Protein backbone atom coordinates (compact mmCIF):
# COMPACT_ATOMS: atom_id res chain seq x y z
CA MET A 1 48.58 10.57 33.93
CA ASP A 2 48.18 8.03 36.99
CA LYS A 3 48.39 4.53 35.88
CA THR A 4 45.70 3.70 38.51
CA ASN A 5 43.37 5.82 36.45
CA LYS A 6 43.90 4.17 33.03
CA ARG A 7 41.08 1.82 31.56
CA PRO A 8 42.38 -1.78 31.95
CA LEU A 9 44.92 -2.79 29.05
CA ILE A 10 43.69 -5.88 27.10
CA LEU A 11 46.13 -8.01 24.41
CA VAL A 12 44.09 -9.68 21.97
CA SER A 13 45.14 -12.34 19.38
CA ASN A 14 43.95 -15.52 17.59
CA ASP A 15 45.17 -18.22 15.26
CA ASP A 16 42.37 -17.99 12.59
CA GLY A 17 44.20 -14.62 11.30
CA ILE A 18 43.50 -10.99 11.49
CA THR A 19 40.61 -11.11 8.96
CA SER A 20 38.61 -13.57 10.92
CA LYS A 21 35.00 -12.93 11.65
CA GLY A 22 35.66 -14.53 15.07
CA ILE A 23 38.46 -11.78 16.20
CA SER A 24 36.29 -8.88 14.79
CA GLU A 25 33.80 -9.94 17.13
CA LEU A 26 35.52 -10.70 19.96
CA ILE A 27 37.18 -6.96 19.73
CA LYS A 28 33.46 -5.67 19.56
CA TYR A 29 32.47 -7.73 22.62
CA LEU A 30 35.70 -6.46 24.58
CA ARG A 31 35.91 -2.85 23.81
CA PRO A 32 33.51 -1.72 26.44
CA LEU A 33 35.99 -3.30 29.02
CA GLY A 34 38.89 -1.62 28.50
CA GLU A 35 41.68 -0.28 25.90
CA ILE A 36 42.35 -3.18 23.01
CA VAL A 37 45.75 -3.79 21.60
CA VAL A 38 45.28 -6.59 18.80
CA MET A 39 48.45 -8.41 17.58
CA ALA A 40 47.15 -11.36 15.37
CA PRO A 41 48.71 -13.69 12.55
CA ASP A 42 48.57 -12.34 8.73
CA THR A 43 47.13 -15.78 7.89
CA PRO A 44 45.39 -18.81 9.81
CA ARG A 45 47.74 -20.77 12.10
CA SER A 46 45.31 -23.21 13.50
CA GLY A 47 46.95 -26.25 15.30
CA SER A 48 50.16 -24.38 15.82
CA ALA A 49 49.75 -24.62 19.75
CA SER A 50 52.75 -22.75 21.54
CA ALA A 51 54.90 -23.05 18.52
CA LEU A 52 57.55 -20.10 17.96
CA THR A 53 59.36 -18.87 14.97
CA VAL A 54 62.94 -19.62 15.32
CA THR A 55 64.42 -20.15 11.88
CA GLU A 56 63.61 -16.76 10.35
CA PRO A 57 62.43 -13.33 11.11
CA ILE A 58 59.18 -12.01 11.69
CA SER A 59 57.57 -8.75 11.14
CA TYR A 60 54.37 -6.78 12.38
CA ARG A 61 52.47 -3.68 10.56
CA LEU A 62 50.02 -1.38 12.16
CA LEU A 63 46.72 -1.81 10.14
CA ARG A 64 44.41 0.87 12.02
CA ARG A 65 44.26 3.09 15.17
CA GLU A 66 41.59 4.78 16.81
CA VAL A 67 40.55 5.91 20.28
CA GLY A 68 41.02 2.90 22.50
CA LEU A 69 41.90 0.26 19.81
CA SER A 70 45.30 -0.42 17.76
CA VAL A 71 45.03 -3.26 15.48
CA TYR A 72 48.43 -4.99 14.23
CA LYS A 73 49.07 -8.15 12.13
CA CYS A 74 52.04 -10.16 12.43
CA SER A 75 53.97 -12.78 10.27
CA GLY A 76 54.42 -15.07 13.24
CA THR A 77 52.62 -17.86 15.03
CA PRO A 78 49.84 -16.96 17.85
CA ALA A 79 52.47 -17.21 20.29
CA ASP A 80 54.83 -14.85 18.61
CA CYS A 81 52.18 -12.51 18.24
CA VAL A 82 51.93 -12.38 22.21
CA LYS A 83 55.74 -12.13 22.63
CA LEU A 84 56.29 -9.33 20.02
CA ALA A 85 53.38 -7.41 21.30
CA PHE A 86 54.93 -7.44 24.96
CA HIS A 87 58.20 -6.41 23.43
CA THR A 88 57.06 -3.86 20.99
CA VAL A 89 53.70 -2.21 20.83
CA LEU A 90 52.30 -2.47 24.70
CA ASP A 91 53.24 0.45 26.75
CA ARG A 92 52.58 -1.36 29.84
CA LYS A 93 51.73 -4.93 30.87
CA PRO A 94 48.37 -6.00 30.11
CA ASP A 95 45.72 -6.82 32.45
CA LEU A 96 44.20 -9.45 30.43
CA VAL A 97 45.18 -11.58 27.29
CA VAL A 98 42.45 -13.13 25.30
CA GLY A 99 42.57 -15.46 22.32
CA GLY A 100 39.83 -16.03 19.84
CA ILE A 101 37.02 -16.15 19.13
CA ASN A 102 38.20 -19.42 17.43
CA HIS A 103 36.20 -20.81 14.41
CA GLY A 104 35.91 -24.39 16.05
CA ASP A 105 36.04 -26.28 19.09
CA ASN A 106 39.02 -26.34 21.46
CA SER A 107 37.38 -28.34 24.24
CA ALA A 108 38.94 -31.65 25.58
CA VAL A 109 42.57 -32.58 24.32
CA ASN A 110 42.27 -29.93 21.58
CA VAL A 111 43.92 -27.41 24.33
CA HIS A 112 47.21 -29.23 23.61
CA TYR A 113 47.14 -28.36 19.85
CA SER A 114 45.12 -25.21 19.79
CA GLY A 115 46.92 -22.17 18.60
CA THR A 116 44.06 -20.04 20.50
CA MET A 117 45.25 -21.75 23.36
CA GLY A 118 48.85 -20.84 22.59
CA VAL A 119 47.86 -17.15 22.69
CA VAL A 120 46.43 -18.02 26.22
CA ILE A 121 49.34 -20.12 27.52
CA GLU A 122 51.79 -17.35 26.58
CA GLY A 123 49.89 -14.84 28.50
CA CYS A 124 49.73 -16.87 31.42
CA LEU A 125 53.18 -17.60 31.35
CA LYS A 126 53.95 -13.98 31.06
CA GLY A 127 51.81 -13.46 34.59
CA VAL A 128 48.86 -12.11 32.95
CA PRO A 129 45.07 -13.49 33.68
CA SER A 130 44.25 -15.08 30.13
CA ILE A 131 41.17 -16.48 28.64
CA GLY A 132 40.63 -18.50 25.24
CA PHE A 133 37.21 -18.19 23.55
CA SER A 134 35.95 -20.60 20.99
CA LEU A 135 32.79 -21.15 19.20
CA CYS A 136 32.01 -24.70 18.01
CA SER A 137 31.47 -23.82 14.41
CA HIS A 138 34.00 -23.91 11.49
CA GLU A 139 31.87 -21.61 9.33
CA PRO A 140 33.75 -18.35 8.01
CA ASN A 141 30.41 -16.52 8.69
CA ALA A 142 29.27 -18.13 11.84
CA ASP A 143 26.85 -16.44 14.12
CA PHE A 144 28.65 -15.27 17.22
CA GLU A 145 26.05 -12.95 18.62
CA PRO A 146 24.57 -15.75 21.16
CA ALA A 147 28.15 -15.91 22.89
CA GLY A 148 28.74 -11.96 23.19
CA SER A 149 27.09 -11.52 26.30
CA TYR A 150 28.98 -14.60 27.78
CA VAL A 151 32.39 -13.13 26.56
CA ARG A 152 31.91 -9.99 28.01
CA LYS A 153 30.62 -11.43 31.33
CA ILE A 154 33.57 -13.85 31.59
CA ALA A 155 36.31 -11.16 30.63
CA ARG A 156 34.68 -8.85 33.15
CA MET A 157 34.73 -11.19 36.10
CA VAL A 158 38.44 -12.18 35.24
CA LEU A 159 39.56 -8.57 34.94
CA GLU A 160 37.69 -8.03 38.59
CA LYS A 161 38.82 -11.15 40.45
CA GLY A 162 42.17 -12.29 38.44
CA LEU A 163 43.23 -15.89 38.23
CA PRO A 164 45.77 -18.04 40.08
CA ALA A 165 49.28 -17.92 38.74
CA LEU A 166 49.82 -20.50 35.94
CA THR A 167 46.56 -20.78 35.38
CA CYS A 168 44.06 -19.73 32.43
CA LEU A 169 40.64 -20.19 31.39
CA ASN A 170 39.65 -22.60 28.05
CA VAL A 171 36.11 -21.32 27.11
CA ASN A 172 34.12 -23.02 24.72
CA ILE A 173 30.58 -21.97 23.54
CA PRO A 174 27.94 -24.03 21.43
CA ASP A 175 26.69 -22.89 18.15
CA LEU A 176 23.23 -22.35 19.53
CA LYS A 177 20.76 -19.39 19.27
CA GLU A 178 19.98 -20.02 22.78
CA LEU A 179 22.48 -20.90 25.52
CA GLN A 180 21.66 -22.37 28.96
CA GLY A 181 24.21 -20.50 30.72
CA ILE A 182 27.84 -21.19 32.00
CA LYS A 183 29.01 -24.43 33.23
CA VAL A 184 32.72 -25.00 34.92
CA CYS A 185 33.85 -28.03 33.70
CA GLU A 186 36.68 -30.75 33.57
CA GLN A 187 38.60 -31.36 30.43
CA THR A 188 36.98 -34.35 28.56
CA LYS A 189 39.19 -37.50 28.61
CA GLY A 190 39.99 -39.17 25.05
CA GLN A 191 41.97 -38.95 22.07
CA TRP A 192 41.90 -38.15 18.43
CA VAL A 193 41.75 -41.38 16.14
CA ASN A 194 43.63 -39.86 13.04
CA GLU A 195 43.04 -41.07 9.52
CA TRP A 196 45.45 -39.95 6.80
CA GLU A 197 44.00 -39.54 3.39
CA ASN A 198 46.17 -40.28 0.69
CA PHE A 199 45.12 -37.76 -2.08
CA ALA A 200 47.93 -37.69 -4.38
CA HIS A 201 51.19 -39.90 -5.55
CA ARG A 202 53.84 -38.58 -7.64
CA GLY A 203 56.73 -40.67 -8.24
CA ASP A 204 57.97 -41.91 -4.78
CA SER A 205 56.11 -39.05 -3.10
CA HIS A 206 52.96 -39.49 -1.19
CA TYR A 207 50.62 -36.56 -0.13
CA TYR A 208 48.20 -37.00 2.94
CA TRP A 209 45.36 -34.98 4.64
CA LEU A 210 44.82 -35.31 8.01
CA THR A 211 41.53 -36.09 9.29
CA GLY A 212 39.97 -38.01 12.27
CA ASN A 213 37.52 -38.00 14.91
CA PHE A 214 37.88 -37.56 18.74
CA GLU A 215 36.84 -40.56 20.89
CA ALA A 216 35.95 -39.59 24.49
CA THR A 217 36.66 -42.21 27.19
CA ASP A 218 34.39 -40.59 29.88
CA ASN A 219 31.13 -40.05 27.83
CA GLU A 220 29.22 -40.53 31.28
CA ASN A 221 30.73 -37.78 32.92
CA THR A 222 28.43 -34.84 33.28
CA LYS A 223 31.27 -32.64 34.66
CA ASN A 224 33.21 -32.73 31.33
CA ASP A 225 33.31 -29.98 28.54
CA HIS A 226 31.96 -32.23 26.14
CA TRP A 227 28.85 -33.15 28.15
CA ALA A 228 28.34 -29.27 28.80
CA LEU A 229 28.40 -28.41 24.85
CA THR A 230 26.49 -31.10 24.04
CA ASN A 231 23.65 -29.82 26.24
CA GLY A 232 23.79 -26.24 25.50
CA TRP A 233 26.30 -25.05 28.37
CA VAL A 234 28.87 -22.48 27.85
CA ALA A 235 32.02 -24.72 28.94
CA VAL A 236 34.54 -22.93 31.21
CA THR A 237 37.30 -25.11 31.90
CA PRO A 238 40.29 -24.09 34.07
CA VAL A 239 43.75 -24.93 32.76
CA THR A 240 47.09 -25.15 34.44
CA VAL A 241 50.44 -24.81 32.49
CA ASP A 242 52.21 -26.24 35.05
CA VAL A 243 52.13 -29.98 33.83
CA THR A 244 54.20 -31.57 36.76
CA ALA A 245 52.68 -34.85 37.76
CA TYR A 246 53.10 -34.15 41.43
CA GLY A 247 51.27 -37.39 42.63
CA LEU A 248 54.09 -39.40 41.16
CA ILE A 249 57.05 -37.47 42.70
CA ASP A 250 57.18 -39.53 45.83
CA GLU A 251 56.95 -42.81 43.98
CA LEU A 252 59.77 -41.98 41.66
CA ASN A 253 61.96 -40.88 44.55
CA THR A 254 61.72 -44.70 45.51
CA TRP A 255 63.07 -45.76 41.96
CA PHE A 256 66.00 -43.32 42.17
């Protein structure tokens, strides 16, 4: 069969694990757009960013296969899942890599910690247009239906138009029944102010649980993703994985 006659091939993964509702909903929304291959972690890997498993072997197993859909689980991280899928189960380079739908907000600096965005960045590094989708709800049984048409629309547009090299999309969706539409945003500036709760003490060992709050430093900026989400918009933030500070190159050359 001529490759040009094949439907688009879409690789899907996440960081909430293969049994999460979010990835099931994502598969449902994407199936009309192409052939779907899923390779997702066997357990939740939230906060793993682009971490790789390098001290032990990983494995994968086919869970189900039907026309237009193959689903695998993997013992590794989200980034491992993408790498392994490219090496083992994909019969050609995918047309799109999609992470999500994450249970929880991945706007602002969360992009640096997110395993969902670890999926996306890995796809981007492999030269494939890539998108991360997140719903601003941590509820296991969250309602993803209002997000569905936006997920499909954004994925369809990226399949049609592509993305620049080393650039991907971070899409965050408010947990609302009615959404205002899509707003293209900047990443909100700020940082997590972390607190470590000491919940156990045995002998010389102390055990802590990470908590904290995000504090934005540009709250008045109506172009950032936090403003968009607070006001009911689907926030689409373009992200580049080239982290070179080009504006500093000339200055550094005067130092050295």
